[in-house]
Amino acid sequence: CKYIENPVLFERADVGMVKFDIRYIVLLRSVNPLSLYVYNVFW
């Protein structure tokens, strides 16, 4: 996969500008019809 060479960075006071990623939980209740939820908390 193309590596993200220009990521949005986060400034950690103890380190500096670092990479970060985000994890969301999605809930698939049905395929037909499509019924999809996302958990409001992300990690």
ModelCIF file with pLDDT and N, C-alpha, C, O atoms, coordinates in Angstrom:
data_MODEL
#
_entry.id   MODEL 
#
_entity.id                         1 
_entity.type                       polymer 
_entity.pdbx_number_of_molecules   1 
#
_entity_poly.entity_id                      1 
_entity_poly.type                           'polypeptide(L)' 
_entity_poly.nstd_linkage                   no 
_entity_poly.nstd_monomer                   no 
_entity_poly.pdbx_seq_one_letter_code       CKYIENPVLFERADVGMVKFDIRYIVLLRSVNPLSLYVYNVFW 
_entity_poly.pdbx_seq_one_letter_code_can   CKYIENPVLFERADVGMVKFDIRYIVLLRSVNPLSLYVYNVFW 
_entity_poly.pdbx_strand_id                 A 
#
loop_
_entity_poly_seq.entity_id 
_entity_poly_seq.num 
_entity_poly_seq.mon_id 
_entity_poly_seq.hetero 
1 1  CYS n 
1 2  LYS n 
1 3  TYR n 
1 4  ILE n 
1 5  GLU n 
1 6  ASN n 
1 7  PRO n 
1 8  VAL n 
1 9  LEU n 
1 10 PHE n 
1 11 GLU n 
1 12 ARG n 
1 13 ALA n 
1 14 ASP n 
1 15 VAL n 
1 16 GLY n 
1 17 MET n 
1 18 VAL n 
1 19 LYS n 
1 20 PHE n 
1 21 ASP n 
1 22 ILE n 
1 23 ARG n 
1 24 TYR n 
1 25 ILE n 
1 26 VAL n 
1 27 LEU n 
1 28 LEU n 
1 29 ARG n 
1 30 SER n 
1 31 VAL n 
1 32 ASN n 
1 33 PRO n 
1 34 LEU n 
1 35 SER n 
1 36 LEU n 
1 37 TYR n 
1 38 VAL n 
1 39 TYR n 
1 40 ASN n 
1 41 VAL n 
1 42 PHE n 
1 43 TRP n 
#
_struct_asym.id          A 
_struct_asym.entity_id   1 
#
loop_
_ma_qa_metric.id 
_ma_qa_metric.mode 
_ma_qa_metric.name 
_ma_qa_metric.software_group_id 
_ma_qa_metric.type 
1 global pLDDT . pLDDT 
2 local  pLDDT . pLDDT 
#
_ma_qa_metric_global.metric_id      1 
_ma_qa_metric_global.metric_value   96.86 
_ma_qa_metric_global.model_id       1 
_ma_qa_metric_global.ordinal_id     1 
#
loop_
_ma_qa_metric_local.label_asym_id 
_ma_qa_metric_local.label_comp_id 
_ma_qa_metric_local.label_seq_id 
_ma_qa_metric_local.metric_id 
_ma_qa_metric_local.metric_value 
_ma_qa_metric_local.model_id 
_ma_qa_metric_local.ordinal_id 
A CYS 1  2 95.00 1 1  
A LYS 2  2 96.00 1 2  
A TYR 3  2 97.00 1 3  
A ILE 4  2 97.00 1 4  
A GLU 5  2 97.00 1 5  
A ASN 6  2 97.00 1 6  
A PRO 7  2 98.00 1 7  
A VAL 8  2 98.00 1 8  
A LEU 9  2 98.00 1 9  
A PHE 10 2 98.00 1 10 
A GLU 11 2 97.00 1 11 
A ARG 12 2 95.00 1 12 
A ALA 13 2 92.00 1 13 
A ASP 14 2 90.00 1 14 
A VAL 15 2 94.00 1 15 
A GLY 16 2 96.00 1 16 
A MET 17 2 97.00 1 17 
A VAL 18 2 97.00 1 18 
A LYS 19 2 97.00 1 19 
A PHE 20 2 97.00 1 20 
A ASP 21 2 97.00 1 21 
A ILE 22 2 98.00 1 22 
A ARG 23 2 97.00 1 23 
A TYR 24 2 98.00 1 24 
A ILE 25 2 98.00 1 25 
A VAL 26 2 98.00 1 26 
A LEU 27 2 98.00 1 27 
A LEU 28 2 98.00 1 28 
A ARG 29 2 98.00 1 29 
A SER 30 2 98.00 1 30 
A VAL 31 2 97.00 1 31 
A ASN 32 2 96.00 1 32 
A PRO 33 2 96.00 1 33 
A LEU 34 2 97.00 1 34 
A SER 35 2 98.00 1 35 
A LEU 36 2 98.00 1 36 
A TYR 37 2 98.00 1 37 
A VAL 38 2 98.00 1 38 
A TYR 39 2 98.00 1 39 
A ASN 40 2 97.00 1 40 
A VAL 41 2 97.00 1 41 
A PHE 42 2 98.00 1 42 
A TRP 43 2 96.00 1 43 
#
loop_
_atom_site.group_PDB 
_atom_site.id 
_atom_site.type_symbol 
_atom_site.label_atom_id 
_atom_site.label_alt_id 
_atom_site.label_comp_id 
_atom_site.label_asym_id 
_atom_site.label_entity_id 
_atom_site.label_seq_id 
_atom_site.pdbx_PDB_ins_code 
_atom_site.Cartn_x 
_atom_site.Cartn_y 
_atom_site.Cartn_z 
_atom_site.occupancy 
_atom_site.B_iso_or_equiv 
_atom_site.pdbx_formal_charge 
_atom_site.auth_seq_id 
_atom_site.auth_comp_id 
_atom_site.auth_asym_id 
_atom_site.auth_atom_id 
_atom_site.pdbx_PDB_model_num 
ATOM 1   N N  . CYS A 1 1  ? 0.851   -1.194 0.000  1.00 95.00 ? 1  CYS A N  1 
ATOM 2   C CA . CYS A 1 1  ? 0.000   0.000  0.000  1.00 95.00 ? 1  CYS A CA 1 
ATOM 3   C C  . CYS A 1 1  ? 0.882   1.237  0.000  1.00 95.00 ? 1  CYS A C  1 
ATOM 4   O O  . CYS A 1 1  ? 1.964   1.247  0.586  1.00 95.00 ? 1  CYS A O  1 
ATOM 5   N N  . LYS A 1 2  ? 0.404   2.270  -0.662 1.00 96.00 ? 2  LYS A N  1 
ATOM 6   C CA . LYS A 1 2  ? 1.154   3.530  -0.637 1.00 96.00 ? 2  LYS A CA 1 
ATOM 7   C C  . LYS A 1 2  ? 1.231   4.032  0.795  1.00 96.00 ? 2  LYS A C  1 
ATOM 8   O O  . LYS A 1 2  ? 0.212   4.234  1.456  1.00 96.00 ? 2  LYS A O  1 
ATOM 9   N N  . TYR A 1 3  ? 2.452   4.229  1.259  1.00 97.00 ? 3  TYR A N  1 
ATOM 10  C CA . TYR A 1 3  ? 2.658   4.730  2.618  1.00 97.00 ? 3  TYR A CA 1 
ATOM 11  C C  . TYR A 1 3  ? 2.265   6.197  2.667  1.00 97.00 ? 3  TYR A C  1 
ATOM 12  O O  . TYR A 1 3  ? 2.581   6.962  1.755  1.00 97.00 ? 3  TYR A O  1 
ATOM 13  N N  . ILE A 1 4  ? 1.588   6.579  3.713  1.00 97.00 ? 4  ILE A N  1 
ATOM 14  C CA . ILE A 1 4  ? 1.120   7.966  3.843  1.00 97.00 ? 4  ILE A CA 1 
ATOM 15  C C  . ILE A 1 4  ? 2.314   8.831  4.242  1.00 97.00 ? 4  ILE A C  1 
ATOM 16  O O  . ILE A 1 4  ? 2.727   8.864  5.401  1.00 97.00 ? 4  ILE A O  1 
ATOM 17  N N  . GLU A 1 5  ? 2.850   9.528  3.245  1.00 97.00 ? 5  GLU A N  1 
ATOM 18  C CA . GLU A 1 5  ? 4.063   10.312 3.496  1.00 97.00 ? 5  GLU A CA 1 
ATOM 19  C C  . GLU A 1 5  ? 3.767   11.683 4.087  1.00 97.00 ? 5  GLU A C  1 
ATOM 20  O O  . GLU A 1 5  ? 4.668   12.361 4.580  1.00 97.00 ? 5  GLU A O  1 
ATOM 21  N N  . ASN A 1 6  ? 2.490   12.092 4.034  1.00 97.00 ? 6  ASN A N  1 
ATOM 22  C CA . ASN A 1 6  ? 2.117   13.404 4.573  1.00 97.00 ? 6  ASN A CA 1 
ATOM 23  C C  . ASN A 1 6  ? 0.951   13.263 5.548  1.00 97.00 ? 6  ASN A C  1 
ATOM 24  O O  . ASN A 1 6  ? -0.107  13.856 5.337  1.00 97.00 ? 6  ASN A O  1 
ATOM 25  N N  . PRO A 1 7  ? 1.135   12.484 6.610  1.00 98.00 ? 7  PRO A N  1 
ATOM 26  C CA . PRO A 1 7  ? 0.033   12.265 7.546  1.00 98.00 ? 7  PRO A CA 1 
ATOM 27  C C  . PRO A 1 7  ? -0.269  13.510 8.369  1.00 98.00 ? 7  PRO A C  1 
ATOM 28  O O  . PRO A 1 7  ? 0.608   14.338 8.614  1.00 98.00 ? 7  PRO A O  1 
ATOM 29  N N  . VAL A 1 8  ? -1.511  13.627 8.788  1.00 98.00 ? 8  VAL A N  1 
ATOM 30  C CA . VAL A 1 8  ? -1.855  14.625 9.798  1.00 98.00 ? 8  VAL A CA 1 
ATOM 31  C C  . VAL A 1 8  ? -1.220  14.162 11.101 1.00 98.00 ? 8  VAL A C  1 
ATOM 32  O O  . VAL A 1 8  ? -1.447  13.035 11.539 1.00 98.00 ? 8  VAL A O  1 
ATOM 33  N N  . LEU A 1 9  ? -0.438  15.015 11.711 1.00 98.00 ? 9  LEU A N  1 
ATOM 34  C CA . LEU A 1 9  ? 0.308   14.645 12.910 1.00 98.00 ? 9  LEU A CA 1 
ATOM 35  C C  . LEU A 1 9  ? -0.347  15.226 14.159 1.00 98.00 ? 9  LEU A C  1 
ATOM 36  O O  . LEU A 1 9  ? -1.170  16.138 14.091 1.00 98.00 ? 9  LEU A O  1 
ATOM 37  N N  . PHE A 1 10 ? 0.044   14.673 15.291 1.00 98.00 ? 10 PHE A N  1 
ATOM 38  C CA . PHE A 1 10 ? -0.463  15.139 16.581 1.00 98.00 ? 10 PHE A CA 1 
ATOM 39  C C  . PHE A 1 10 ? 0.735   15.534 17.429 1.00 98.00 ? 10 PHE A C  1 
ATOM 40  O O  . PHE A 1 10 ? 1.724   14.806 17.516 1.00 98.00 ? 10 PHE A O  1 
ATOM 41  N N  . GLU A 1 11 ? 0.626   16.693 18.048 1.00 97.00 ? 11 GLU A N  1 
ATOM 42  C CA . GLU A 1 11 ? 1.747   17.164 18.865 1.00 97.00 ? 11 GLU A CA 1 
ATOM 43  C C  . GLU A 1 11 ? 1.649   16.601 20.275 1.00 97.00 ? 11 GLU A C  1 
ATOM 44  O O  . GLU A 1 11 ? 0.756   16.951 21.046 1.00 97.00 ? 11 GLU A O  1 
ATOM 45  N N  . ARG A 1 12 ? 2.588   15.722 20.590 1.00 95.00 ? 12 ARG A N  1 
ATOM 46  C CA . ARG A 1 12 ? 2.717   15.207 21.951 1.00 95.00 ? 12 ARG A CA 1 
ATOM 47  C C  . ARG A 1 12 ? 3.693   16.091 22.703 1.00 95.00 ? 12 ARG A C  1 
ATOM 48  O O  . ARG A 1 12 ? 4.825   16.298 22.266 1.00 95.00 ? 12 ARG A O  1 
ATOM 49  N N  . ALA A 1 13 ? 3.252   16.604 23.821 1.00 92.00 ? 13 ALA A N  1 
ATOM 50  C CA . ALA A 1 13 ? 4.093   17.524 24.573 1.00 92.00 ? 13 ALA A CA 1 
ATOM 51  C C  . ALA A 1 13 ? 5.410   16.877 24.983 1.00 92.00 ? 13 ALA A C  1 
ATOM 52  O O  . ALA A 1 13 ? 6.428   17.558 25.105 1.00 92.00 ? 13 ALA A O  1 
ATOM 53  N N  . ASP A 1 14 ? 5.392   15.557 25.198 1.00 90.00 ? 14 ASP A N  1 
ATOM 54  C CA . ASP A 1 14 ? 6.580   14.860 25.671 1.00 90.00 ? 14 ASP A CA 1 
ATOM 55  C C  . ASP A 1 14 ? 7.493   14.384 24.542 1.00 90.00 ? 14 ASP A C  1 
ATOM 56  O O  . ASP A 1 14 ? 8.617   13.951 24.795 1.00 90.00 ? 14 ASP A O  1 
ATOM 57  N N  . VAL A 1 15 ? 7.013   14.462 23.287 1.00 94.00 ? 15 VAL A N  1 
ATOM 58  C CA . VAL A 1 15 ? 7.777   13.886 22.179 1.00 94.00 ? 15 VAL A CA 1 
ATOM 59  C C  . VAL A 1 15 ? 7.938   14.869 21.025 1.00 94.00 ? 15 VAL A C  1 
ATOM 60  O O  . VAL A 1 15 ? 9.050   15.122 20.560 1.00 94.00 ? 15 VAL A O  1 
ATOM 61  N N  . GLY A 1 16 ? 6.811   15.421 20.570 1.00 96.00 ? 16 GLY A N  1 
ATOM 62  C CA . GLY A 1 16 ? 6.809   16.254 19.374 1.00 96.00 ? 16 GLY A CA 1 
ATOM 63  C C  . GLY A 1 16 ? 5.690   15.832 18.449 1.00 96.00 ? 16 GLY A C  1 
ATOM 64  O O  . GLY A 1 16 ? 4.675   15.303 18.901 1.00 96.00 ? 16 GLY A O  1 
ATOM 65  N N  . MET A 1 17 ? 5.864   16.059 17.148 1.00 97.00 ? 17 MET A N  1 
ATOM 66  C CA . MET A 1 17 ? 4.828   15.768 16.163 1.00 97.00 ? 17 MET A CA 1 
ATOM 67  C C  . MET A 1 17 ? 4.915   14.298 15.748 1.00 97.00 ? 17 MET A C  1 
ATOM 68  O O  . MET A 1 17 ? 5.895   13.870 15.138 1.00 97.00 ? 17 MET A O  1 
ATOM 69  N N  . VAL A 1 18 ? 3.881   13.538 16.086 1.00 97.00 ? 18 VAL A N  1 
ATOM 70  C CA . VAL A 1 18 ? 3.920   12.096 15.865 1.00 97.00 ? 18 VAL A CA 1 
ATOM 71  C C  . VAL A 1 18 ? 2.736   11.646 15.012 1.00 97.00 ? 18 VAL A C  1 
ATOM 72  O O  . VAL A 1 18 ? 1.724   12.339 14.900 1.00 97.00 ? 18 VAL A O  1 
ATOM 73  N N  . LYS A 1 19 ? 2.892   10.475 14.419 1.00 97.00 ? 19 LYS A N  1 
ATOM 74  C CA . LYS A 1 19 ? 1.786   9.824  13.729 1.00 97.00 ? 19 LYS A CA 1 
ATOM 75  C C  . LYS A 1 19 ? 0.757   9.343  14.745 1.00 97.00 ? 19 LYS A C  1 
ATOM 76  O O  . LYS A 1 19 ? 1.080   9.067  15.900 1.00 97.00 ? 19 LYS A O  1 
ATOM 77  N N  . PHE A 1 20 ? -0.485  9.249  14.291 1.00 97.00 ? 20 PHE A N  1 
ATOM 78  C CA . PHE A 1 20 ? -1.510  8.614  15.113 1.00 97.00 ? 20 PHE A CA 1 
ATOM 79  C C  . PHE A 1 20 ? -2.511  7.953  14.192 1.00 97.00 ? 20 PHE A C  1 
ATOM 80  O O  . PHE A 1 20 ? -2.684  8.364  13.045 1.00 97.00 ? 20 PHE A O  1 
ATOM 81  N N  . ASP A 1 21 ? -3.168  6.927  14.702 1.00 97.00 ? 21 ASP A N  1 
ATOM 82  C CA . ASP A 1 21 ? -4.277  6.353  13.968 1.00 97.00 ? 21 ASP A CA 1 
ATOM 83  C C  . ASP A 1 21 ? -5.493  6.257  14.877 1.00 97.00 ? 21 ASP A C  1 
ATOM 84  O O  . ASP A 1 21 ? -5.396  6.406  16.095 1.00 97.00 ? 21 ASP A O  1 
ATOM 85  N N  . ILE A 1 22 ? -6.618  6.008  14.266 1.00 98.00 ? 22 ILE A N  1 
ATOM 86  C CA . ILE A 1 22 ? -7.907  6.051  14.953 1.00 98.00 ? 22 ILE A CA 1 
ATOM 87  C C  . ILE A 1 22 ? -8.617  4.729  14.704 1.00 98.00 ? 22 ILE A C  1 
ATOM 88  O O  . ILE A 1 22 ? -8.625  4.222  13.582 1.00 98.00 ? 22 ILE A O  1 
ATOM 89  N N  . ARG A 1 23 ? -9.207  4.180  15.747 1.00 97.00 ? 23 ARG A N  1 
ATOM 90  C CA . ARG A 1 23 ? -9.986  2.948  15.607 1.00 97.00 ? 23 ARG A CA 1 
ATOM 91  C C  . ARG A 1 23 ? -11.439 3.233  15.966 1.00 97.00 ? 23 ARG A C  1 
ATOM 92  O O  . ARG A 1 23 ? -11.745 3.724  17.053 1.00 97.00 ? 23 ARG A O  1 
ATOM 93  N N  . TYR A 1 24 ? -12.325 2.912  15.027 1.00 98.00 ? 24 TYR A N  1 
ATOM 94  C CA . TYR A 1 24 ? -13.762 2.974  15.264 1.00 98.00 ? 24 TYR A CA 1 
ATOM 95  C C  . TYR A 1 24 ? -14.327 1.556  15.262 1.00 98.00 ? 24 TYR A C  1 
ATOM 96  O O  . TYR A 1 24 ? -13.834 0.678  14.554 1.00 98.00 ? 24 TYR A O  1 
ATOM 97  N N  . ILE A 1 25 ? -15.351 1.351  16.051 1.00 98.00 ? 25 ILE A N  1 
ATOM 98  C CA . ILE A 1 25 ? -16.107 0.103  16.036 1.00 98.00 ? 25 ILE A CA 1 
ATOM 99  C C  . ILE A 1 25 ? -17.381 0.337  15.231 1.00 98.00 ? 25 ILE A C  1 
ATOM 100 O O  . ILE A 1 25 ? -18.175 1.223  15.547 1.00 98.00 ? 25 ILE A O  1 
ATOM 101 N N  . VAL A 1 26 ? -17.566 -0.473 14.180 1.00 98.00 ? 26 VAL A N  1 
ATOM 102 C CA . VAL A 1 26 ? -18.800 -0.391 13.404 1.00 98.00 ? 26 VAL A CA 1 
ATOM 103 C C  . VAL A 1 26 ? -19.614 -1.651 13.652 1.00 98.00 ? 26 VAL A C  1 
ATOM 104 O O  . VAL A 1 26 ? -19.066 -2.746 13.775 1.00 98.00 ? 26 VAL A O  1 
ATOM 105 N N  . LEU A 1 27 ? -20.926 -1.484 13.724 1.00 98.00 ? 27 LEU A N  1 
ATOM 106 C CA . LEU A 1 27 ? -21.846 -2.570 14.043 1.00 98.00 ? 27 LEU A CA 1 
ATOM 107 C C  . LEU A 1 27 ? -22.707 -2.847 12.817 1.00 98.00 ? 27 LEU A C  1 
ATOM 108 O O  . LEU A 1 27 ? -23.476 -1.989 12.385 1.00 98.00 ? 27 LEU A O  1 
ATOM 109 N N  . LEU A 1 28 ? -22.576 -4.036 12.262 1.00 98.00 ? 28 LEU A N  1 
ATOM 110 C CA . LEU A 1 28 ? -23.342 -4.417 11.081 1.00 98.00 ? 28 LEU A CA 1 
ATOM 111 C C  . LEU A 1 28 ? -24.518 -5.281 11.532 1.00 98.00 ? 28 LEU A C  1 
ATOM 112 O O  . LEU A 1 28 ? -24.352 -6.432 11.935 1.00 98.00 ? 28 LEU A O  1 
ATOM 113 N N  . ARG A 1 29 ? -25.718 -4.688 11.452 1.00 98.00 ? 29 ARG A N  1 
ATOM 114 C CA . ARG A 1 29 ? -26.900 -5.418 11.912 1.00 98.00 ? 29 ARG A CA 1 
ATOM 115 C C  . ARG A 1 29 ? -27.563 -6.180 10.783 1.00 98.00 ? 29 ARG A C  1 
ATOM 116 O O  . ARG A 1 29 ? -28.182 -7.216 11.026 1.00 98.00 ? 29 ARG A O  1 
ATOM 117 N N  . SER A 1 30 ? -27.453 -5.702 9.568  1.00 98.00 ? 30 SER A N  1 
ATOM 118 C CA . SER A 1 30 ? -28.114 -6.359 8.445  1.00 98.00 ? 30 SER A CA 1 
ATOM 119 C C  . SER A 1 30 ? -27.407 -5.990 7.150  1.00 98.00 ? 30 SER A C  1 
ATOM 120 O O  . SER A 1 30 ? -26.874 -4.890 7.003  1.00 98.00 ? 30 SER A O  1 
ATOM 121 N N  . VAL A 1 31 ? -27.416 -6.941 6.211  1.00 97.00 ? 31 VAL A N  1 
ATOM 122 C CA . VAL A 1 31 ? -26.858 -6.712 4.886  1.00 97.00 ? 31 VAL A CA 1 
ATOM 123 C C  . VAL A 1 31 ? -27.937 -6.287 3.901  1.00 97.00 ? 31 VAL A C  1 
ATOM 124 O O  . VAL A 1 31 ? -27.713 -5.401 3.077  1.00 97.00 ? 31 VAL A O  1 
ATOM 125 N N  . ASN A 1 32 ? -29.091 -6.905 3.980  1.00 96.00 ? 32 ASN A N  1 
ATOM 126 C CA . ASN A 1 32 ? -30.194 -6.604 3.064  1.00 96.00 ? 32 ASN A CA 1 
ATOM 127 C C  . ASN A 1 32 ? -31.491 -6.451 3.850  1.00 96.00 ? 32 ASN A C  1 
ATOM 128 O O  . ASN A 1 32 ? -32.129 -7.449 4.184  1.00 96.00 ? 32 ASN A O  1 
ATOM 129 N N  . PRO A 1 33 ? -31.895 -5.199 4.153  1.00 96.00 ? 33 PRO A N  1 
ATOM 130 C CA . PRO A 1 33 ? -31.244 -3.940 3.775  1.00 96.00 ? 33 PRO A CA 1 
ATOM 131 C C  . PRO A 1 33 ? -30.021 -3.665 4.650  1.00 96.00 ? 33 PRO A C  1 
ATOM 132 O O  . PRO A 1 33 ? -29.911 -4.177 5.764  1.00 96.00 ? 33 PRO A O  1 
ATOM 133 N N  . LEU A 1 34 ? -29.106 -2.849 4.123  1.00 97.00 ? 34 LEU A N  1 
ATOM 134 C CA . LEU A 1 34 ? -27.911 -2.503 4.875  1.00 97.00 ? 34 LEU A CA 1 
ATOM 135 C C  . LEU A 1 34 ? -28.290 -1.682 6.099  1.00 97.00 ? 34 LEU A C  1 
ATOM 136 O O  . LEU A 1 34 ? -28.957 -0.653 5.988  1.00 97.00 ? 34 LEU A O  1 
ATOM 137 N N  . SER A 1 35 ? -27.859 -2.147 7.265  1.00 98.00 ? 35 SER A N  1 
ATOM 138 C CA . SER A 1 35 ? -28.088 -1.446 8.525  1.00 98.00 ? 35 SER A CA 1 
ATOM 139 C C  . SER A 1 35 ? -26.768 -1.394 9.265  1.00 98.00 ? 35 SER A C  1 
ATOM 140 O O  . SER A 1 35 ? -26.282 -2.418 9.745  1.00 98.00 ? 35 SER A O  1 
ATOM 141 N N  . LEU A 1 36 ? -26.183 -0.209 9.360  1.00 98.00 ? 36 LEU A N  1 
ATOM 142 C CA . LEU A 1 36 ? -24.822 -0.037 9.865  1.00 98.00 ? 36 LEU A CA 1 
ATOM 143 C C  . LEU A 1 36 ? -24.783 1.073  10.905 1.00 98.00 ? 36 LEU A C  1 
ATOM 144 O O  . LEU A 1 36 ? -25.307 2.164  10.683 1.00 98.00 ? 36 LEU A O  1 
ATOM 145 N N  . TYR A 1 37 ? -24.158 0.784  12.042 1.00 98.00 ? 37 TYR A N  1 
ATOM 146 C CA . TYR A 1 37 ? -23.996 1.748  13.124 1.00 98.00 ? 37 TYR A CA 1 
ATOM 147 C C  . TYR A 1 37 ? -22.503 1.927  13.407 1.00 98.00 ? 37 TYR A C  1 
ATOM 148 O O  . TYR A 1 37 ? -21.680 1.091  13.033 1.00 98.00 ? 37 TYR A O  1 
ATOM 149 N N  . VAL A 1 38 ? -22.178 3.017  14.066 1.00 98.00 ? 38 VAL A N  1 
ATOM 150 C CA . VAL A 1 38 ? -20.818 3.225  14.543 1.00 98.00 ? 38 VAL A CA 1 
ATOM 151 C C  . VAL A 1 38 ? -20.881 3.572  16.023 1.00 98.00 ? 38 VAL A C  1 
ATOM 152 O O  . VAL A 1 38 ? -21.743 4.340  16.452 1.00 98.00 ? 38 VAL A O  1 
ATOM 153 N N  . TYR A 1 39 ? -19.973 3.009  16.797 1.00 98.00 ? 39 TYR A N  1 
ATOM 154 C CA . TYR A 1 39 ? -19.875 3.322  18.225 1.00 98.00 ? 39 TYR A CA 1 
ATOM 155 C C  . TYR A 1 39 ? -19.276 4.718  18.365 1.00 98.00 ? 39 TYR A C  1 
ATOM 156 O O  . TYR A 1 39 ? -18.266 5.023  17.731 1.00 98.00 ? 39 TYR A O  1 
ATOM 157 N N  . ASN A 1 40 ? -19.876 5.554  19.175 1.00 97.00 ? 40 ASN A N  1 
ATOM 158 C CA . ASN A 1 40 ? -19.481 6.963  19.235 1.00 97.00 ? 40 ASN A CA 1 
ATOM 159 C C  . ASN A 1 40 ? -18.097 7.171  19.839 1.00 97.00 ? 40 ASN A C  1 
ATOM 160 O O  . ASN A 1 40 ? -17.431 8.164  19.545 1.00 97.00 ? 40 ASN A O  1 
ATOM 161 N N  . VAL A 1 41 ? -17.669 6.250  20.671 1.00 97.00 ? 41 VAL A N  1 
ATOM 162 C CA . VAL A 1 41 ? -16.330 6.348  21.247 1.00 97.00 ? 41 VAL A CA 1 
ATOM 163 C C  . VAL A 1 41 ? -15.335 5.787  20.241 1.00 97.00 ? 41 VAL A C  1 
ATOM 164 O O  . VAL A 1 41 ? -15.568 4.729  19.656 1.00 97.00 ? 41 VAL A O  1 
ATOM 165 N N  . PHE A 1 42 ? -14.233 6.488  20.039 1.00 98.00 ? 42 PHE A N  1 
ATOM 166 C CA . PHE A 1 42 ? -13.170 5.959  19.189 1.00 98.00 ? 42 PHE A CA 1 
ATOM 167 C C  . PHE A 1 42 ? -11.881 5.908  19.992 1.00 98.00 ? 42 PHE A C  1 
ATOM 168 O O  . PHE A 1 42 ? -11.747 6.566  21.024 1.00 98.00 ? 42 PHE A O  1 
ATOM 169 N N  . TRP A 1 43 ? -10.948 5.126  19.508 1.00 96.00 ? 43 TRP A N  1 
ATOM 170 C CA . TRP A 1 43 ? -9.702  4.906  20.240 1.00 96.00 ? 43 TRP A CA 1 
ATOM 171 C C  . TRP A 1 43 ? -8.524  5.379  19.407 1.00 96.00 ? 43 TRP A C  1 
ATOM 172 O O  . TRP A 1 43 ? -7.378  5.281  19.846 1.00 96.00 ? 43 TRP A O  1 
#
